[in-house]
Amino acid sequence: MKAINLQPASDGATMDHGKRLKQRSSLRPVEPELTLAPRGNGPDPRLVELARLLARRAARKVFEAQMKERRTTRS
């Protein structure tokens, strides 16, 4: 699980002696920047990892189907 970094917001939120917050929470999650432009030379490492994950999943399904078929033909 990925940790969420928090940083103080510059909206001046304060607490009023136990009363409700006057404004929204002063801590907001730091959102990662979405970049669509490729960085450096070579493929995007996120896409490489996704391709590996999908390939492993497909290989596992094919292997399980072959093993199941093999068990039924032996009986």
C-alpha atoms as a PDB file:
ATOM      1  CA  MET A   1       0.000   0.000   0.000  1.00  0.00           C
ATOM      2  CA  LYS A   2       1.370   3.412  -0.922  1.00  0.00           C
ATOM      3  CA  ALA A   3       1.754   6.089   1.746  1.00  0.00           C
ATOM      4  CA  ILE A   4      -0.069   9.384   1.308  1.00  0.00           C
ATOM      5  CA  ASN A   5       2.032  12.468   1.928  1.00  0.00           C
ATOM      6  CA  LEU A   6       0.310  15.366   3.638  1.00  0.00           C
ATOM      7  CA  GLN A   7       1.271  18.993   3.537  1.00  0.00           C
ATOM      8  CA  PRO A   8      -0.222  22.004   5.231  1.00  0.00           C
ATOM      9  CA  ALA A   9      -2.559  24.014   3.056  1.00  0.00           C
ATOM     10  CA  SER A  10      -2.065  27.762   2.829  1.00  0.00           C
ATOM     11  CA  ASP A  11      -5.742  28.574   3.396  1.00  0.00           C
ATOM     12  CA  GLY A  12      -5.253  29.730   7.006  1.00  0.00           C
ATOM     13  CA  ALA A  13      -7.546  27.141   8.611  1.00  0.00           C
ATOM     14  CA  THR A  14      -7.564  27.396  12.397  1.00  0.00           C
ATOM     15  CA  MET A  15      -9.343  25.774  15.324  1.00  0.00           C
ATOM     16  CA  ASP A  16     -11.488  27.942  17.564  1.00  0.00           C
ATOM     17  CA  HIS A  17     -11.102  26.494  21.120  1.00  0.00           C
ATOM     18  CA  GLY A  18     -12.751  23.148  20.511  1.00  0.00           C
ATOM     19  CA  LYS A  19     -15.426  24.492  18.197  1.00  0.00           C
ATOM     20  CA  ARG A  20     -15.803  23.309  14.649  1.00  0.00           C
ATOM     21  CA  LEU A  21     -13.119  24.080  12.152  1.00  0.00           C
ATOM     22  CA  LYS A  22     -13.856  27.327  10.436  1.00  0.00           C
ATOM     23  CA  GLN A  23     -12.524  25.975   7.181  1.00  0.00           C
ATOM     24  CA  ARG A  24     -11.693  22.625   5.733  1.00  0.00           C
ATOM     25  CA  SER A  25      -8.856  20.615   7.177  1.00  0.00           C
ATOM     26  CA  SER A  26      -5.457  22.256   6.927  1.00  0.00           C
ATOM     27  CA  LEU A  27      -3.883  18.964   5.780  1.00  0.00           C
ATOM     28  CA  ARG A  28      -4.603  17.899   2.257  1.00  0.00           C
ATOM     29  CA  PRO A  29      -3.125  14.954   0.331  1.00  0.00           C
ATOM     30  CA  VAL A  30      -0.305  15.789  -2.050  1.00  0.00           C
ATOM     31  CA  GLU A  31      -1.501  14.564  -5.416  1.00  0.00           C
ATOM     32  CA  PRO A  32       1.088  13.155  -7.807  1.00  0.00           C
ATOM     33  CA  GLU A  33       1.525  15.044 -11.038  1.00  0.00           C
ATOM     34  CA  LEU A  34       0.131  13.247 -14.073  1.00  0.00           C
ATOM     35  CA  THR A  35       2.557  13.476 -16.960  1.00  0.00           C
ATOM     36  CA  LEU A  36       1.707  12.057 -20.338  1.00  0.00           C
ATOM     37  CA  ALA A  37       4.964  13.001 -22.024  1.00  0.00           C
ATOM     38  CA  PRO A  38       7.564  10.224 -22.028  1.00  0.00           C
ATOM     39  CA  ARG A  39      10.590  10.797 -19.816  1.00  0.00           C
ATOM     40  CA  GLY A  40      13.983   9.867 -21.160  1.00  0.00           C
ATOM     41  CA  ASN A  41      14.663   7.220 -23.734  1.00  0.00           C
ATOM     42  CA  GLY A  42      12.858   3.920 -23.699  1.00  0.00           C
ATOM     43  CA  PRO A  43       9.415   2.661 -22.717  1.00  0.00           C
ATOM     44  CA  ASP A  44       7.410   3.887 -19.770  1.00  0.00           C
ATOM     45  CA  PRO A  45       8.276   1.581 -16.836  1.00  0.00           C
ATOM     46  CA  ARG A  46       4.631   1.565 -15.703  1.00  0.00           C
ATOM     47  CA  LEU A  47       3.542   0.152 -19.058  1.00  0.00           C
ATOM     48  CA  VAL A  48       6.337  -2.433 -18.974  1.00  0.00           C
ATOM     49  CA  GLU A  49       5.197  -3.586 -15.541  1.00  0.00           C
ATOM     50  CA  LEU A  50       1.566  -3.715 -16.716  1.00  0.00           C
ATOM     51  CA  ALA A  51       2.558  -5.809 -19.747  1.00  0.00           C
ATOM     52  CA  ARG A  52       4.472  -8.229 -17.497  1.00  0.00           C
ATOM     53  CA  LEU A  53       1.535  -8.519 -15.126  1.00  0.00           C
ATOM     54  CA  LEU A  54      -0.913  -9.242 -17.948  1.00  0.00           C
ATOM     55  CA  ALA A  55       1.481 -11.757 -19.545  1.00  0.00           C
ATOM     56  CA  ARG A  56       1.897 -13.639 -16.250  1.00  0.00           C
ATOM     57  CA  ARG A  57      -1.868 -13.705 -15.741  1.00  0.00           C
ATOM     58  CA  ALA A  58      -2.477 -15.015 -19.272  1.00  0.00           C
ATOM     59  CA  ALA A  59       0.257 -17.644 -18.930  1.00  0.00           C
ATOM     60  CA  ARG A  60      -1.181 -18.801 -15.601  1.00  0.00           C
ATOM     61  CA  LYS A  61      -4.668 -19.186 -17.115  1.00  0.00           C
ATOM     62  CA  VAL A  62      -3.345 -21.160 -20.081  1.00  0.00           C
ATOM     63  CA  PHE A  63      -1.268 -23.398 -17.811  1.00  0.00           C
ATOM     64  CA  GLU A  64      -4.225 -24.058 -15.494  1.00  0.00           C
ATOM     65  CA  ALA A  65      -6.463 -24.881 -18.475  1.00  0.00           C
ATOM     66  CA  GLN A  66      -3.856 -27.306 -19.845  1.00  0.00           C
ATOM     67  CA  MET A  67      -3.461 -28.990 -16.463  1.00  0.00           C
ATOM     68  CA  LYS A  68      -7.226 -29.321 -16.087  1.00  0.00           C
ATOM     69  CA  GLU A  69      -7.537 -30.781 -19.583  1.00  0.00           C
ATOM     70  CA  ARG A  70      -4.668 -33.181 -18.873  1.00  0.00           C
ATOM     71  CA  ARG A  71      -6.348 -34.419 -15.678  1.00  0.00           C
ATOM     72  CA  THR A  72      -9.665 -35.101 -17.421  1.00  0.00           C
ATOM     73  CA  THR A  73      -8.079 -37.058 -20.306  1.00  0.00           C
ATOM     74  CA  ARG A  74      -6.141 -39.355 -17.929  1.00  0.00           C
ATOM     75  CA  SER A  75      -9.211 -40.439 -15.967  1.00  0.00           C
END
